[in-house]
Amino acid sequence: MEIITMESEAYQNLVASIKRIEQHVLSTSADDTPPDEEVWIDSKEVCRMLGISDRALQNYRSNGTIDYKHCGKFCRYRLSEVKSLIAQGYGNRH
């Protein structure tokens, strides 16, 4: 085991810095839920929400009905856009 020594003042400064960081993290993450436009969901969830098949979702992607992004080999969709499609009547009827 290695013993590290430091001056008391340096140690107190380090502890104070850590406490400030902790307070900042707690204050910024406690009640912060990202708005819908920042929430990305997977294809399975989109299909469930719209009541459509994987193939229908693929058609929506192909014809530009829904925007998406690739994360590795998977597609992700903005929750806000899926909600917008629901409001427009997309899903089982289209």
N, C-alpha and C. Protein backbone atom coordinates (compact mmCIF):
# COMPACT_ATOMS: atom_id res chain seq x y z
N MET A 1 0.84 -1.16 0.00
CA MET A 1 0.00 0.00 0.00
C MET A 1 0.89 1.23 0.00
N GLU A 2 0.47 2.24 -0.76
CA GLU A 2 1.23 3.48 -0.86
C GLU A 2 0.55 4.56 -0.03
N ILE A 3 1.30 5.29 0.73
CA ILE A 3 0.77 6.38 1.54
C ILE A 3 1.11 7.69 0.86
N ILE A 4 0.08 8.50 0.66
CA ILE A 4 0.27 9.81 0.03
C ILE A 4 0.00 10.86 1.09
N THR A 5 0.90 11.79 1.21
CA THR A 5 0.72 12.87 2.18
C THR A 5 0.51 14.18 1.44
N MET A 6 -0.26 15.07 2.07
CA MET A 6 -0.46 16.40 1.50
C MET A 6 -0.71 17.38 2.64
N GLU A 7 -0.48 18.64 2.34
CA GLU A 7 -0.68 19.66 3.36
C GLU A 7 -2.15 19.76 3.72
N SER A 8 -2.42 20.13 4.94
CA SER A 8 -3.79 20.23 5.43
C SER A 8 -4.62 21.20 4.59
N GLU A 9 -4.04 22.32 4.23
CA GLU A 9 -4.77 23.32 3.44
C GLU A 9 -5.12 22.77 2.06
N ALA A 10 -4.22 22.07 1.44
CA ALA A 10 -4.48 21.46 0.13
C ALA A 10 -5.59 20.42 0.24
N TYR A 11 -5.55 19.64 1.32
CA TYR A 11 -6.59 18.64 1.55
C TYR A 11 -7.95 19.31 1.73
N GLN A 12 -8.00 20.37 2.51
CA GLN A 12 -9.27 21.08 2.74
C GLN A 12 -9.80 21.68 1.43
N ASN A 13 -8.91 22.21 0.60
CA ASN A 13 -9.32 22.74 -0.71
C ASN A 13 -9.89 21.63 -1.59
N LEU A 14 -9.25 20.49 -1.56
CA LEU A 14 -9.72 19.34 -2.34
C LEU A 14 -11.10 18.90 -1.88
N VAL A 15 -11.31 18.79 -0.59
CA VAL A 15 -12.60 18.39 -0.04
C VAL A 15 -13.67 19.42 -0.41
N ALA A 16 -13.35 20.71 -0.31
CA ALA A 16 -14.31 21.76 -0.67
C ALA A 16 -14.67 21.69 -2.15
N SER A 17 -13.69 21.42 -3.00
CA SER A 17 -13.95 21.30 -4.43
C SER A 17 -14.88 20.11 -4.72
N ILE A 18 -14.62 19.02 -4.07
CA ILE A 18 -15.47 17.84 -4.26
C ILE A 18 -16.89 18.13 -3.81
N LYS A 19 -17.06 18.83 -2.71
CA LYS A 19 -18.40 19.17 -2.23
C LYS A 19 -19.12 20.09 -3.21
N ARG A 20 -18.40 21.05 -3.81
CA ARG A 20 -19.01 21.94 -4.80
C ARG A 20 -19.45 21.14 -6.03
N ILE A 21 -18.63 20.22 -6.45
CA ILE A 21 -18.98 19.38 -7.59
C ILE A 21 -20.21 18.55 -7.27
N GLU A 22 -20.24 17.98 -6.08
CA GLU A 22 -21.39 17.18 -5.66
C GLU A 22 -22.67 18.02 -5.67
N GLN A 23 -22.61 19.22 -5.12
CA GLN A 23 -23.78 20.09 -5.09
C GLN A 23 -24.23 20.46 -6.49
N HIS A 24 -23.28 20.72 -7.37
CA HIS A 24 -23.62 21.06 -8.75
C HIS A 24 -24.31 19.88 -9.44
N VAL A 25 -23.77 18.70 -9.28
CA VAL A 25 -24.36 17.52 -9.91
C VAL A 25 -25.76 17.28 -9.36
N LEU A 26 -25.92 17.37 -8.06
CA LEU A 26 -27.23 17.13 -7.45
C LEU A 26 -28.24 18.19 -7.87
N SER A 27 -27.83 19.44 -7.96
CA SER A 27 -28.77 20.50 -8.31
C SER A 27 -29.17 20.46 -9.77
N THR A 28 -28.27 20.02 -10.64
CA THR A 28 -28.62 20.00 -12.07
C THR A 28 -29.31 18.73 -12.50
N SER A 29 -29.19 17.65 -11.74
CA SER A 29 -29.79 16.40 -12.19
C SER A 29 -31.00 15.97 -11.38
N ALA A 30 -31.29 16.64 -10.30
CA ALA A 30 -32.38 16.20 -9.42
C ALA A 30 -33.73 16.21 -10.13
N ASP A 31 -34.10 17.32 -10.72
CA ASP A 31 -35.43 17.42 -11.33
C ASP A 31 -35.36 17.60 -12.84
N ASP A 32 -34.22 17.39 -13.41
CA ASP A 32 -34.07 17.59 -14.85
C ASP A 32 -34.41 16.33 -15.60
N THR A 33 -35.58 16.37 -16.25
CA THR A 33 -35.90 15.32 -17.20
C THR A 33 -35.81 15.97 -18.57
N PRO A 34 -35.19 15.32 -19.51
CA PRO A 34 -35.02 15.96 -20.81
C PRO A 34 -36.36 16.17 -21.49
N PRO A 35 -36.49 17.27 -22.20
CA PRO A 35 -37.73 17.47 -22.96
C PRO A 35 -37.88 16.37 -24.01
N ASP A 36 -39.11 16.18 -24.49
CA ASP A 36 -39.37 15.10 -25.43
C ASP A 36 -38.47 15.14 -26.65
N GLU A 37 -38.12 16.35 -27.13
CA GLU A 37 -37.32 16.41 -28.34
C GLU A 37 -35.91 15.86 -28.13
N GLU A 38 -35.51 15.68 -26.88
CA GLU A 38 -34.19 15.13 -26.60
C GLU A 38 -34.24 13.66 -26.21
N VAL A 39 -35.42 13.10 -26.10
CA VAL A 39 -35.57 11.70 -25.74
C VAL A 39 -35.64 10.88 -27.02
N TRP A 40 -34.77 9.90 -27.14
CA TRP A 40 -34.74 9.02 -28.32
C TRP A 40 -35.20 7.63 -27.91
N ILE A 41 -36.05 7.04 -28.75
CA ILE A 41 -36.58 5.71 -28.45
C ILE A 41 -36.26 4.76 -29.60
N ASP A 42 -36.36 3.47 -29.32
CA ASP A 42 -36.00 2.47 -30.33
C ASP A 42 -37.20 2.09 -31.19
N SER A 43 -36.93 1.30 -32.22
CA SER A 43 -37.96 0.90 -33.19
C SER A 43 -39.11 0.14 -32.54
N LYS A 44 -38.77 -0.74 -31.61
CA LYS A 44 -39.80 -1.54 -30.94
C LYS A 44 -40.80 -0.64 -30.22
N GLU A 45 -40.30 0.38 -29.53
CA GLU A 45 -41.17 1.30 -28.81
C GLU A 45 -42.02 2.14 -29.77
N VAL A 46 -41.43 2.56 -30.89
CA VAL A 46 -42.18 3.32 -31.89
C VAL A 46 -43.32 2.47 -32.45
N CYS A 47 -43.01 1.23 -32.80
CA CYS A 47 -44.04 0.32 -33.32
C CYS A 47 -45.16 0.13 -32.30
N ARG A 48 -44.79 -0.02 -31.05
CA ARG A 48 -45.80 -0.20 -30.00
C ARG A 48 -46.68 1.05 -29.88
N MET A 49 -46.05 2.22 -29.86
CA MET A 49 -46.80 3.46 -29.69
C MET A 49 -47.74 3.73 -30.87
N LEU A 50 -47.26 3.45 -32.09
CA LEU A 50 -48.07 3.70 -33.28
C LEU A 50 -48.99 2.55 -33.63
N GLY A 51 -48.74 1.38 -33.04
CA GLY A 51 -49.56 0.21 -33.36
C GLY A 51 -49.28 -0.29 -34.77
N ILE A 52 -48.01 -0.25 -35.18
CA ILE A 52 -47.65 -0.67 -36.53
C ILE A 52 -46.59 -1.78 -36.47
N SER A 53 -46.35 -2.39 -37.61
CA SER A 53 -45.35 -3.46 -37.69
C SER A 53 -43.97 -2.86 -37.98
N ASP A 54 -42.95 -3.70 -37.87
CA ASP A 54 -41.59 -3.28 -38.21
C ASP A 54 -41.52 -2.84 -39.67
N ARG A 55 -42.20 -3.58 -40.52
CA ARG A 55 -42.19 -3.27 -41.96
C ARG A 55 -42.84 -1.91 -42.23
N ALA A 56 -43.94 -1.62 -41.55
CA ALA A 56 -44.61 -0.32 -41.73
C ALA A 56 -43.68 0.81 -41.28
N LEU A 57 -42.95 0.58 -40.18
CA LEU A 57 -42.00 1.58 -39.71
C LEU A 57 -40.89 1.77 -40.73
N GLN A 58 -40.45 0.69 -41.34
CA GLN A 58 -39.42 0.79 -42.38
C GLN A 58 -39.94 1.63 -43.55
N ASN A 59 -41.20 1.45 -43.91
CA ASN A 59 -41.80 2.27 -44.97
C ASN A 59 -41.83 3.75 -44.56
N TYR A 60 -42.18 4.04 -43.31
CA TYR A 60 -42.18 5.41 -42.81
C TYR A 60 -40.78 6.03 -42.95
N ARG A 61 -39.76 5.24 -42.63
CA ARG A 61 -38.38 5.73 -42.77
C ARG A 61 -38.05 5.98 -44.24
N SER A 62 -38.39 5.03 -45.09
CA SER A 62 -38.06 5.10 -46.52
C SER A 62 -38.71 6.27 -47.22
N ASN A 63 -39.97 6.54 -46.88
CA ASN A 63 -40.66 7.63 -47.57
C ASN A 63 -40.56 8.97 -46.84
N GLY A 64 -39.78 9.02 -45.76
CA GLY A 64 -39.53 10.28 -45.08
C GLY A 64 -40.62 10.71 -44.11
N THR A 65 -41.54 9.83 -43.81
CA THR A 65 -42.60 10.17 -42.85
C THR A 65 -42.04 10.41 -41.47
N ILE A 66 -40.99 9.68 -41.10
CA ILE A 66 -40.39 9.82 -39.78
C ILE A 66 -38.87 9.96 -39.92
N ASP A 67 -38.32 10.91 -39.19
CA ASP A 67 -36.87 11.07 -39.15
C ASP A 67 -36.29 10.10 -38.13
N TYR A 68 -35.06 9.72 -38.34
CA TYR A 68 -34.40 8.78 -37.45
C TYR A 68 -32.90 9.00 -37.52
N LYS A 69 -32.20 8.38 -36.61
CA LYS A 69 -30.74 8.36 -36.69
C LYS A 69 -30.26 6.96 -36.37
N HIS A 70 -29.11 6.64 -36.91
CA HIS A 70 -28.51 5.34 -36.65
C HIS A 70 -27.60 5.44 -35.43
N CYS A 71 -27.76 4.53 -34.51
CA CYS A 71 -26.85 4.36 -33.38
C CYS A 71 -26.29 2.96 -33.52
N GLY A 72 -25.12 2.88 -34.12
CA GLY A 72 -24.58 1.57 -34.43
C GLY A 72 -25.43 0.93 -35.52
N LYS A 73 -25.95 -0.25 -35.24
CA LYS A 73 -26.81 -0.91 -36.23
C LYS A 73 -28.29 -0.70 -35.95
N PHE A 74 -28.61 0.12 -34.96
CA PHE A 74 -30.01 0.34 -34.59
C PHE A 74 -30.47 1.74 -34.98
N CYS A 75 -31.78 1.88 -35.21
CA CYS A 75 -32.38 3.18 -35.50
C CYS A 75 -32.99 3.73 -34.21
N ARG A 76 -32.90 5.02 -34.05
CA ARG A 76 -33.51 5.72 -32.91
C ARG A 76 -34.38 6.85 -33.44
N TYR A 77 -35.46 7.15 -32.71
CA TYR A 77 -36.44 8.13 -33.14
C TYR A 77 -36.72 9.10 -32.00
N ARG A 78 -36.97 10.36 -32.34
CA ARG A 78 -37.31 11.35 -31.31
C ARG A 78 -38.73 11.08 -30.82
N LEU A 79 -38.88 11.06 -29.52
CA LEU A 79 -40.20 10.85 -28.92
C LEU A 79 -41.17 11.93 -29.36
N SER A 80 -40.70 13.18 -29.44
CA SER A 80 -41.57 14.29 -29.85
C SER A 80 -42.13 14.07 -31.26
N GLU A 81 -41.31 13.51 -32.15
CA GLU A 81 -41.78 13.27 -33.51
C GLU A 81 -42.81 12.14 -33.55
N VAL A 82 -42.61 11.10 -32.75
CA VAL A 82 -43.58 10.02 -32.68
C VAL A 82 -44.92 10.55 -32.15
N LYS A 83 -44.86 11.38 -31.13
CA LYS A 83 -46.09 11.98 -30.60
C LYS A 83 -46.79 12.84 -31.65
N SER A 84 -45.99 13.54 -32.43
CA SER A 84 -46.55 14.36 -33.51
C SER A 84 -47.26 13.49 -34.55
N LEU A 85 -46.65 12.37 -34.90
CA LEU A 85 -47.29 11.46 -35.85
C LEU A 85 -48.61 10.91 -35.31
N ILE A 86 -48.62 10.61 -34.02
CA ILE A 86 -49.86 10.13 -33.39
C ILE A 86 -50.93 11.21 -33.49
N ALA A 87 -50.54 12.45 -33.22
CA ALA A 87 -51.49 13.58 -33.29
C ALA A 87 -52.01 13.78 -34.71
N GLN A 88 -51.18 13.46 -35.71
CA GLN A 88 -51.58 13.60 -37.11
C GLN A 88 -52.42 12.41 -37.60
N GLY A 89 -52.56 11.41 -36.76
CA GLY A 89 -53.40 10.26 -37.12
C GLY A 89 -52.64 9.12 -37.74
N TYR A 90 -51.31 9.16 -37.70
CA TYR A 90 -50.54 8.04 -38.24
C TYR A 90 -50.64 6.87 -37.29
N GLY A 91 -50.38 5.71 -37.83
CA GLY A 91 -50.44 4.50 -37.03
C GLY A 91 -51.24 3.46 -37.78
N ASN A 92 -52.17 2.85 -37.10
CA ASN A 92 -52.95 1.76 -37.68
C ASN A 92 -53.73 2.17 -38.94
N ARG A 93 -54.07 3.44 -39.06
CA ARG A 93 -54.90 3.88 -40.17
C ARG A 93 -54.10 4.16 -41.45
N HIS A 94 -52.75 4.29 -41.36
CA HIS A 94 -51.96 4.65 -42.54
C HIS A 94 -51.11 3.48 -42.98
